[in-house]
């Protein structure tokens, strides 16, 4: 999760500092709603991020809901998470 948010920076560095060519990169189009500054694609290319940082800051709501081991009422206490948790042997 968050790989496209990191990749957009690598693409910019490659273009500006290394190859001077547009890169072919994988893009996964889900889970961006959990990030404060998600990757943006236009015309099939990553757009250069304009916000400071690595663009991987997650929204507080997502951190509370999906953070492991979770807090009261979080996703990890749901039936959807049960098969994952039952497979963990500690």
Protein backbone atom coordinates (compact mmCIF):
# COMPACT_ATOMS: atom_id res chain seq x y z
CA UNK A 1 0.00 0.00 0.00
CA UNK A 2 1.36 3.36 -0.96
CA UNK A 3 3.74 2.15 -3.66
CA UNK A 4 2.38 4.52 -6.35
CA UNK A 5 2.81 7.39 -3.92
CA UNK A 6 6.53 6.55 -3.65
CA UNK A 7 6.90 5.68 -7.33
CA UNK A 8 5.80 9.11 -8.50
CA UNK A 9 8.93 10.58 -6.87
CA UNK A 10 11.22 7.96 -8.40
CA UNK A 11 9.74 8.69 -11.81
CA UNK A 12 10.46 12.40 -11.43
CA UNK A 13 14.03 11.78 -10.23
CA UNK A 14 14.66 9.41 -13.14
CA UNK A 15 13.35 11.94 -15.66
CA UNK A 16 15.17 14.97 -14.24
CA UNK A 17 18.45 13.46 -13.02
CA UNK A 18 19.06 10.18 -14.83
CA UNK A 19 17.49 9.33 -18.18
CA UNK A 20 15.62 12.41 -19.38
CA UNK A 21 12.98 10.03 -20.70
CA UNK A 22 9.45 9.24 -19.58
CA UNK A 23 9.41 5.99 -17.60
CA UNK A 24 7.05 3.04 -17.95
CA UNK A 25 5.83 2.31 -14.44
CA UNK A 26 3.17 0.14 -12.88
CA UNK A 27 0.17 1.92 -11.35
CA UNK A 28 -2.33 0.26 -9.03
CA UNK A 29 -5.60 2.17 -8.96
CA UNK A 30 -6.92 1.48 -5.47
CA UNK A 31 -6.36 2.48 -1.84
CA UNK A 32 -5.42 6.07 -2.76
CA UNK A 33 -8.36 7.32 -0.69
CA UNK A 34 -6.29 6.54 2.42
CA UNK A 35 -3.55 9.07 1.61
CA UNK A 36 -3.44 12.82 2.20
CA UNK A 37 -1.71 13.45 -1.15
CA UNK A 38 -2.36 10.50 -3.48
CA UNK A 39 -0.52 9.98 -6.76
CA UNK A 40 -2.08 11.71 -9.77
CA UNK A 41 -2.05 10.26 -13.28
CA UNK A 42 -2.74 12.40 -16.36
CA UNK A 43 -2.39 11.19 -19.92
CA UNK A 44 -0.94 7.92 -18.66
CA UNK A 45 1.90 9.53 -16.69
CA UNK A 46 2.53 10.28 -13.03
CA UNK A 47 2.28 13.99 -12.33
CA UNK A 48 5.12 15.58 -10.41
CA UNK A 49 4.03 15.92 -6.78
CA UNK A 50 3.75 19.54 -5.66
CA UNK A 51 3.37 18.87 -1.93
CA UNK A 52 6.39 18.62 0.36
CA UNK A 53 7.39 15.13 1.51
CA UNK A 54 7.05 11.65 0.03
CA UNK A 55 3.24 11.77 -0.38
CA UNK A 56 2.76 8.74 1.86
CA UNK A 57 1.12 10.43 4.84
CA UNK A 58 -2.01 8.44 5.59
CA UNK A 59 -5.28 9.96 6.74
CA UNK A 60 -5.86 9.72 10.49
CA UNK A 61 -9.21 7.97 9.97
CA UNK A 62 -7.54 5.19 7.94
CA UNK A 63 -4.79 4.78 10.53
CA UNK A 64 -7.34 4.37 13.32
CA UNK A 65 -9.60 2.02 11.35
CA UNK A 66 -6.93 -0.24 9.83
CA UNK A 67 -3.96 0.12 12.20
CA UNK A 68 -2.80 -3.21 13.59
CA UNK A 69 -3.59 -4.53 16.14
CA UNK A 70 -6.37 -1.98 16.01
CA UNK A 71 -8.42 -0.13 18.54
CA UNK A 72 -11.95 -0.58 19.84
CA UNK A 73 -14.37 -0.69 16.90
CA UNK A 74 -11.59 -0.96 14.31
CA UNK A 75 -11.55 -3.11 11.19
CA UNK A 76 -9.40 -5.75 12.89
CA UNK A 77 -12.28 -6.53 15.24
CA UNK A 78 -14.68 -7.11 12.33
CA UNK A 79 -15.84 -10.42 10.88
CA UNK A 80 -14.03 -9.53 7.67
CA UNK A 81 -10.69 -9.63 9.52
CA UNK A 82 -11.37 -12.87 11.38
CA UNK A 83 -9.89 -15.25 8.72
CA UNK A 84 -6.68 -13.24 8.72
CA UNK A 85 -6.36 -13.21 12.50
CA UNK A 86 -7.23 -16.86 12.94
CA UNK A 87 -4.36 -17.76 10.64
CA UNK A 88 -1.84 -15.98 12.87
CA UNK A 89 -0.19 -18.28 15.43
CA UNK A 90 1.73 -16.42 18.13
